[in-house]
Amino acid sequence: MQNDIKYLVHIDGDDAFMRVVGKAGYLNCRSAGEFFNIVAEKNCKRLLIDLAADKSYGISVLMKFKNF
């Protein structure tokens, strides 16, 4: 099965950005979790997540990484 999900990420100072491209869910969000860990390690103050492509993904991410 081909995985077409992409996480476009960028960190600039205290700001972190992620754009989810494609269908995402809890089974293919390991990359998002790794990015959240980096954001926490860098003590970013703001995190913007663009879920325009897949609105249902937001609930999965927030539930899985609620301790972020």
PDB file of N, CA and C in Angstrom:
ATOM      1  N   MET A   1       0.851  -1.188   0.000  1.00  0.00           N
ATOM      2  CA  MET A   1       0.000   0.000   0.000  1.00  0.00           C
ATOM      3  C   MET A   1       0.890   1.242   0.000  1.00  0.00           C
ATOM      4  N   GLN A   2       0.622   2.138  -0.908  1.00  0.00           N
ATOM      5  CA  GLN A   2       1.408   3.356  -1.030  1.00  0.00           C
ATOM      6  C   GLN A   2       0.980   4.372   0.028  1.00  0.00           C
ATOM      7  N   ASN A   3       1.969   5.017   0.653  1.00  0.00           N
ATOM      8  CA  ASN A   3       1.689   6.012   1.684  1.00  0.00           C
ATOM      9  C   ASN A   3       1.901   7.392   1.087  1.00  0.00           C
ATOM     10  N   ASP A   4       0.820   8.123   0.819  1.00  0.00           N
ATOM     11  CA  ASP A   4       0.902   9.427   0.176  1.00  0.00           C
ATOM     12  C   ASP A   4       0.909  10.588   1.160  1.00  0.00           C
ATOM     13  N   ILE A   5       0.988  10.314   2.446  1.00  0.00           N
ATOM     14  CA  ILE A   5       0.962  11.384   3.439  1.00  0.00           C
ATOM     15  C   ILE A   5       2.312  12.078   3.488  1.00  0.00           C
ATOM     16  N   LYS A   6       2.268  13.396   3.594  1.00  0.00           N
ATOM     17  CA  LYS A   6       3.485  14.187   3.740  1.00  0.00           C
ATOM     18  C   LYS A   6       3.277  15.176   4.874  1.00  0.00           C
ATOM     19  N   TYR A   7       4.318  15.358   5.656  1.00  0.00           N
ATOM     20  CA  TYR A   7       4.324  16.368   6.705  1.00  0.00           C
ATOM     21  C   TYR A   7       5.369  17.402   6.317  1.00  0.00           C
ATOM     22  N   LEU A   8       4.928  18.583   5.944  1.00  0.00           N
ATOM     23  CA  LEU A   8       5.849  19.663   5.598  1.00  0.00           C
ATOM     24  C   LEU A   8       6.071  20.467   6.871  1.00  0.00           C
ATOM     25  N   VAL A   9       7.313  20.540   7.332  1.00  0.00           N
ATOM     26  CA  VAL A   9       7.599  21.159   8.625  1.00  0.00           C
ATOM     27  C   VAL A   9       8.684  22.214   8.505  1.00  0.00           C
ATOM     28  N   HIS A  10       8.652  23.163   9.445  1.00  0.00           N
ATOM     29  CA  HIS A  10       9.653  24.222   9.494  1.00  0.00           C
ATOM     30  C   HIS A  10       9.674  24.795  10.907  1.00  0.00           C
ATOM     31  N   ILE A  11      10.878  25.071  11.400  1.00  0.00           N
ATOM     32  CA  ILE A  11      11.036  25.742  12.692  1.00  0.00           C
ATOM     33  C   ILE A  11      11.839  27.004  12.452  1.00  0.00           C
ATOM     34  N   ASP A  12      11.323  28.122  12.973  1.00  0.00           N
ATOM     35  CA  ASP A  12      11.984  29.418  12.831  1.00  0.00           C
ATOM     36  C   ASP A  12      11.944  30.113  14.189  1.00  0.00           C
ATOM     37  N   GLY A  13      13.046  30.020  14.926  1.00  0.00           N
ATOM     38  CA  GLY A  13      13.083  30.626  16.253  1.00  0.00           C
ATOM     39  C   GLY A  13      12.094  29.963  17.187  1.00  0.00           C
ATOM     40  N   ASP A  14      11.155  30.744  17.721  1.00  0.00           N
ATOM     41  CA  ASP A  14      10.138  30.236  18.640  1.00  0.00           C
ATOM     42  C   ASP A  14       8.899  29.704  17.934  1.00  0.00           C
ATOM     43  N   ASP A  15       8.886  29.756  16.608  1.00  0.00           N
ATOM     44  CA  ASP A  15       7.717  29.346  15.833  1.00  0.00           C
ATOM     45  C   ASP A  15       7.968  28.018  15.130  1.00  0.00           C
ATOM     46  N   ALA A  16       6.987  27.127  15.189  1.00  0.00           N
ATOM     47  CA  ALA A  16       7.054  25.848  14.496  1.00  0.00           C
ATOM     48  C   ALA A  16       5.811  25.719  13.619  1.00  0.00           C
ATOM     49  N   PHE A  17       6.002  25.167  12.435  1.00  0.00           N
ATOM     50  CA  PHE A  17       4.917  25.041  11.466  1.00  0.00           C
ATOM     51  C   PHE A  17       4.872  23.614  10.924  1.00  0.00           C
ATOM     52  N   MET A  18       3.658  23.087  10.753  1.00  0.00           N
ATOM     53  CA  MET A  18       3.475  21.793  10.109  1.00  0.00           C
ATOM     54  C   MET A  18       2.266  21.867   9.188  1.00  0.00           C
ATOM     55  N   ARG A  19       2.424  21.365   7.981  1.00  0.00           N
ATOM     56  CA  ARG A  19       1.297  21.244   7.050  1.00  0.00           C
ATOM     57  C   ARG A  19       1.135  19.773   6.721  1.00  0.00           C
ATOM     58  N   VAL A  20      -0.071  19.259   6.876  1.00  0.00           N
ATOM     59  CA  VAL A  20      -0.372  17.864   6.585  1.00  0.00           C
ATOM     60  C   VAL A  20      -0.936  17.797   5.170  1.00  0.00           C
ATOM     61  N   VAL A  21      -0.270  17.019   4.323  1.00  0.00           N
ATOM     62  CA  VAL A  21      -0.703  16.865   2.935  1.00  0.00           C
ATOM     63  C   VAL A  21      -1.068  15.402   2.721  1.00  0.00           C
ATOM     64  N   GLY A  22      -2.308  15.143   2.393  1.00  0.00           N
ATOM     65  CA  GLY A  22      -2.767  13.780   2.171  1.00  0.00           C
ATOM     66  C   GLY A  22      -3.583  13.267   3.332  1.00  0.00           C
ATOM     67  N   LYS A  23      -3.968  12.006   3.248  1.00  0.00           N
ATOM     68  CA  LYS A  23      -4.791  11.357   4.263  1.00  0.00           C
ATOM     69  C   LYS A  23      -3.905  10.864   5.393  1.00  0.00           C
ATOM     70  N   ALA A  24      -4.167  11.324   6.587  1.00  0.00           N
ATOM     71  CA  ALA A  24      -3.354  10.952   7.746  1.00  0.00           C
ATOM     72  C   ALA A  24      -4.222  10.355   8.830  1.00  0.00           C
ATOM     73  N   GLY A  25      -3.617   9.630   9.717  1.00  0.00           N
ATOM     74  CA  GLY A  25      -4.321   9.026  10.837  1.00  0.00           C
ATOM     75  C   GLY A  25      -3.324   8.503  11.846  1.00  0.00           C
ATOM     76  N   TYR A  26      -3.818   7.857  12.871  1.00  0.00           N
ATOM     77  CA  TYR A  26      -2.934   7.424  13.944  1.00  0.00           C
ATOM     78  C   TYR A  26      -1.946   6.346  13.496  1.00  0.00           C
ATOM     79  N   LEU A  27      -2.231   5.630  12.405  1.00  0.00           N
ATOM     80  CA  LEU A  27      -1.322   4.588  11.937  1.00  0.00           C
ATOM     81  C   LEU A  27      -0.114   5.134  11.174  1.00  0.00           C
ATOM     82  N   ASN A  28      -0.186   6.374  10.702  1.00  0.00           N
ATOM     83  CA  ASN A  28       0.933   6.911   9.933  1.00  0.00           C
ATOM     84  C   ASN A  28       1.374   8.287  10.438  1.00  0.00           C
ATOM     85  N   CYS A  29       1.347   8.469  11.741  1.00  0.00           N
ATOM     86  CA  CYS A  29       1.695   9.784  12.284  1.00  0.00           C
ATOM     87  C   CYS A  29       3.011   9.786  13.063  1.00  0.00           C
ATOM     88  N   ARG A  30       3.843   8.760  12.887  1.00  0.00           N
ATOM     89  CA  ARG A  30       5.120   8.714  13.599  1.00  0.00           C
ATOM     90  C   ARG A  30       5.978   9.935  13.291  1.00  0.00           C
ATOM     91  N   SER A  31       6.021  10.367  12.030  1.00  0.00           N
ATOM     92  CA  SER A  31       6.807  11.552  11.651  1.00  0.00           C
ATOM     93  C   SER A  31       6.303  12.804  12.362  1.00  0.00           C
ATOM     94  N   ALA A  32       4.996  12.916  12.502  1.00  0.00           N
ATOM     95  CA  ALA A  32       4.432  14.066  13.220  1.00  0.00           C
ATOM     96  C   ALA A  32       4.874  14.033  14.677  1.00  0.00           C
ATOM     97  N   GLY A  33       4.866  12.875  15.294  1.00  0.00           N
ATOM     98  CA  GLY A  33       5.302  12.746  16.680  1.00  0.00           C
ATOM     99  C   GLY A  33       6.761  13.120  16.855  1.00  0.00           C
ATOM    100  N   GLU A  34       7.596  12.712  15.903  1.00  0.00           N
ATOM    101  CA  GLU A  34       9.013  13.066  15.961  1.00  0.00           C
ATOM    102  C   GLU A  34       9.186  14.581  15.848  1.00  0.00           C
ATOM    103  N   PHE A  35       8.400  15.211  14.987  1.00  0.00           N
ATOM    104  CA  PHE A  35       8.470  16.662  14.855  1.00  0.00           C
ATOM    105  C   PHE A  35       8.024  17.342  16.147  1.00  0.00           C
ATOM    106  N   PHE A  36       6.951  16.860  16.767  1.00  0.00           N
ATOM    107  CA  PHE A  36       6.487  17.440  18.023  1.00  0.00           C
ATOM    108  C   PHE A  36       7.560  17.325  19.107  1.00  0.00           C
ATOM    109  N   ASN A  37       8.284  16.221  19.131  1.00  0.00           N
ATOM    110  CA  ASN A  37       9.366  16.064  20.098  1.00  0.00           C
ATOM    111  C   ASN A  37      10.463  17.098  19.868  1.00  0.00           C
ATOM    112  N   ILE A  38      10.806  17.343  18.618  1.00  0.00           N
ATOM    113  CA  ILE A  38      11.821  18.355  18.290  1.00  0.00           C
ATOM    114  C   ILE A  38      11.334  19.744  18.701  1.00  0.00           C
ATOM    115  N   VAL A  39      10.071  20.035  18.421  1.00  0.00           N
ATOM    116  CA  VAL A  39       9.485  21.327  18.804  1.00  0.00           C
ATOM    117  C   VAL A  39       9.581  21.520  20.322  1.00  0.00           C
ATOM    118  N   ALA A  40       9.288  20.476  21.074  1.00  0.00           N
ATOM    119  CA  ALA A  40       9.362  20.560  22.536  1.00  0.00           C
ATOM    120  C   ALA A  40      10.808  20.744  23.001  1.00  0.00           C
ATOM    121  N   GLU A  41      11.737  20.019  22.393  1.00  0.00           N
ATOM    122  CA  GLU A  41      13.155  20.139  22.765  1.00  0.00           C
ATOM    123  C   GLU A  41      13.690  21.540  22.503  1.00  0.00           C
ATOM    124  N   LYS A  42      13.207  22.175  21.437  1.00  0.00           N
ATOM    125  CA  LYS A  42      13.662  23.521  21.088  1.00  0.00           C
ATOM    126  C   LYS A  42      12.895  24.610  21.831  1.00  0.00           C
ATOM    127  N   ASN A  43      11.940  24.197  22.678  1.00  0.00           N
ATOM    128  CA  ASN A  43      11.135  25.132  23.469  1.00  0.00           C
ATOM    129  C   ASN A  43      10.420  26.174  22.618  1.00  0.00           C
ATOM    130  N   CYS A  44       9.861  25.741  21.505  1.00  0.00           N
ATOM    131  CA  CYS A  44       9.101  26.656  20.655  1.00  0.00           C
ATOM    132  C   CYS A  44       7.880  27.164  21.417  1.00  0.00           C
ATOM    133  N   LYS A  45       7.570  28.425  21.222  1.00  0.00           N
ATOM    134  CA  LYS A  45       6.449  29.052  21.930  1.00  0.00           C
ATOM    135  C   LYS A  45       5.136  28.911  21.172  1.00  0.00           C
ATOM    136  N   ARG A  46       5.218  28.802  19.850  1.00  0.00           N
ATOM    137  CA  ARG A  46       4.016  28.721  19.020  1.00  0.00           C
ATOM    138  C   ARG A  46       4.145  27.559  18.041  1.00  0.00           C
ATOM    139  N   LEU A  47       3.036  26.854  17.854  1.00  0.00           N
ATOM    140  CA  LEU A  47       2.975  25.740  16.913  1.00  0.00           C
ATOM    141  C   LEU A  47       1.728  25.913  16.055  1.00  0.00           C
ATOM    142  N   LEU A  48       1.919  26.007  14.755  1.00  0.00           N
ATOM    143  CA  LEU A  48       0.810  26.141  13.815  1.00  0.00           C
ATOM    144  C   LEU A  48       0.736  24.865  12.991  1.00  0.00           C
ATOM    145  N   ILE A  49      -0.432  24.240  12.984  1.00  0.00           N
ATOM    146  CA  ILE A  49      -0.637  23.017  12.207  1.00  0.00           C
ATOM    147  C   ILE A  49      -1.737  23.279  11.197  1.00  0.00           C
ATOM    148  N   ASP A  50      -1.421  23.115   9.927  1.00  0.00           N
ATOM    149  CA  ASP A  50      -2.384  23.307   8.843  1.00  0.00           C
ATOM    150  C   ASP A  50      -2.957  21.945   8.465  1.00  0.00           C
ATOM    151  N   LEU A  51      -4.227  21.732   8.770  1.00  0.00           N
ATOM    152  CA  LEU A  51      -4.902  20.467   8.495  1.00  0.00           C
ATOM    153  C   LEU A  51      -5.939  20.611   7.392  1.00  0.00           C
ATOM    154  N   ALA A  52      -5.770  21.587   6.542  1.00  0.00           N
ATOM    155  CA  ALA A  52      -6.780  21.881   5.525  1.00  0.00           C
ATOM    156  C   ALA A  52      -7.077  20.680   4.639  1.00  0.00           C
ATOM    157  N   ALA A  53      -6.082  19.846   4.391  1.00  0.00           N
ATOM    158  CA  ALA A  53      -6.291  18.709   3.491  1.00  0.00           C
ATOM    159  C   ALA A  53      -7.076  17.581   4.144  1.00  0.00           C
ATOM    160  N   ASP A  54      -7.007  17.469   5.462  1.00  0.00           N
ATOM    161  CA  ASP A  54      -7.650  16.343   6.149  1.00  0.00           C
ATOM    162  C   ASP A  54      -8.063  16.760   7.554  1.00  0.00           C
ATOM    163  N   LYS A  55      -9.243  17.280   7.681  1.00  0.00           N
ATOM    164  CA  LYS A  55      -9.711  17.812   8.960  1.00  0.00           C
ATOM    165  C   LYS A  55      -9.802  16.740  10.055  1.00  0.00           C
ATOM    166  N   SER A  56     -10.112  15.504   9.702  1.00  0.00           N
ATOM    167  CA  SER A  56     -10.264  14.461  10.714  1.00  0.00           C
ATOM    168  C   SER A  56      -8.947  14.127  11.391  1.00  0.00           C
ATOM    169  N   TYR A  57      -7.846  14.422  10.754  1.00  0.00           N
ATOM    170  CA  TYR A  57      -6.530  14.097  11.308  1.00  0.00           C
ATOM    171  C   TYR A  57      -6.261  14.858  12.597  1.00  0.00           C
ATOM    172  N   GLY A  58      -6.741  16.069  12.700  1.00  0.00           N
ATOM    173  CA  GLY A  58      -6.464  16.895  13.868  1.00  0.00           C
ATOM    174  C   GLY A  58      -6.871  16.245  15.170  1.00  0.00           C
ATOM    175  N   ILE A  59      -8.003  15.604  15.185  1.00  0.00           N
ATOM    176  CA  ILE A  59      -8.464  14.947  16.404  1.00  0.00           C
ATOM    177  C   ILE A  59      -7.525  13.812  16.777  1.00  0.00           C
ATOM    178  N   SER A  60      -7.072  13.025  15.794  1.00  0.00           N
ATOM    179  CA  SER A  60      -6.153  11.919  16.070  1.00  0.00           C
ATOM    180  C   SER A  60      -4.842  12.417  16.650  1.00  0.00           C
ATOM    181  N   VAL A  61      -4.285  13.456  16.065  1.00  0.00           N
ATOM    182  CA  VAL A  61      -3.003  13.980  16.526  1.00  0.00           C
ATOM    183  C   VAL A  61      -3.131  14.539  17.929  1.00  0.00           C
ATOM    184  N   LEU A  62      -4.145  15.331  18.174  1.00  0.00           N
ATOM    185  CA  LEU A  62      -4.292  15.949  19.481  1.00  0.00           C
ATOM    186  C   LEU A  62      -4.537  14.908  20.570  1.00  0.00           C
ATOM    187  N   MET A  63      -5.225  13.837  20.256  1.00  0.00           N
ATOM    188  CA  MET A  63      -5.448  12.802  21.241  1.00  0.00           C
ATOM    189  C   MET A  63      -4.164  12.021  21.511  1.00  0.00           C
ATOM    190  N   LYS A  64      -3.411  11.722  20.457  1.00  0.00           N
ATOM    191  CA  LYS A  64      -2.188  10.929  20.611  1.00  0.00           C
ATOM    192  C   LYS A  64      -1.082  11.729  21.310  1.00  0.00           C
ATOM    193  N   PHE A  65      -0.989  13.017  21.027  1.00  0.00           N
ATOM    194  CA  PHE A  65       0.071  13.848  21.567  1.00  0.00           C
ATOM    195  C   PHE A  65      -0.445  14.874  22.560  1.00  0.00           C
ATOM    196  N   LYS A  66      -1.467  14.519  23.303  1.00  0.00           N
ATOM    197  CA  LYS A  66      -2.095  15.493  24.203  1.00  0.00           C
ATOM    198  C   LYS A  66      -1.166  15.969  25.311  1.00  0.00           C
ATOM    199  N   ASN A  67      -0.110  15.227  25.594  1.00  0.00           N
ATOM    200  CA  ASN A  67       0.815  15.637  26.645  1.00  0.00           C
ATOM    201  C   ASN A  67       1.905  16.570  26.148  1.00  0.00           C
ATOM    202  N   PHE A  68       1.829  16.953  24.891  1.00  0.00           N
ATOM    203  CA  PHE A  68       2.861  17.815  24.311  1.00  0.00           C
ATOM    204  C   PHE A  68       2.887  19.148  24.974  1.00  0.00           C
TER     205      PHE A  68
END
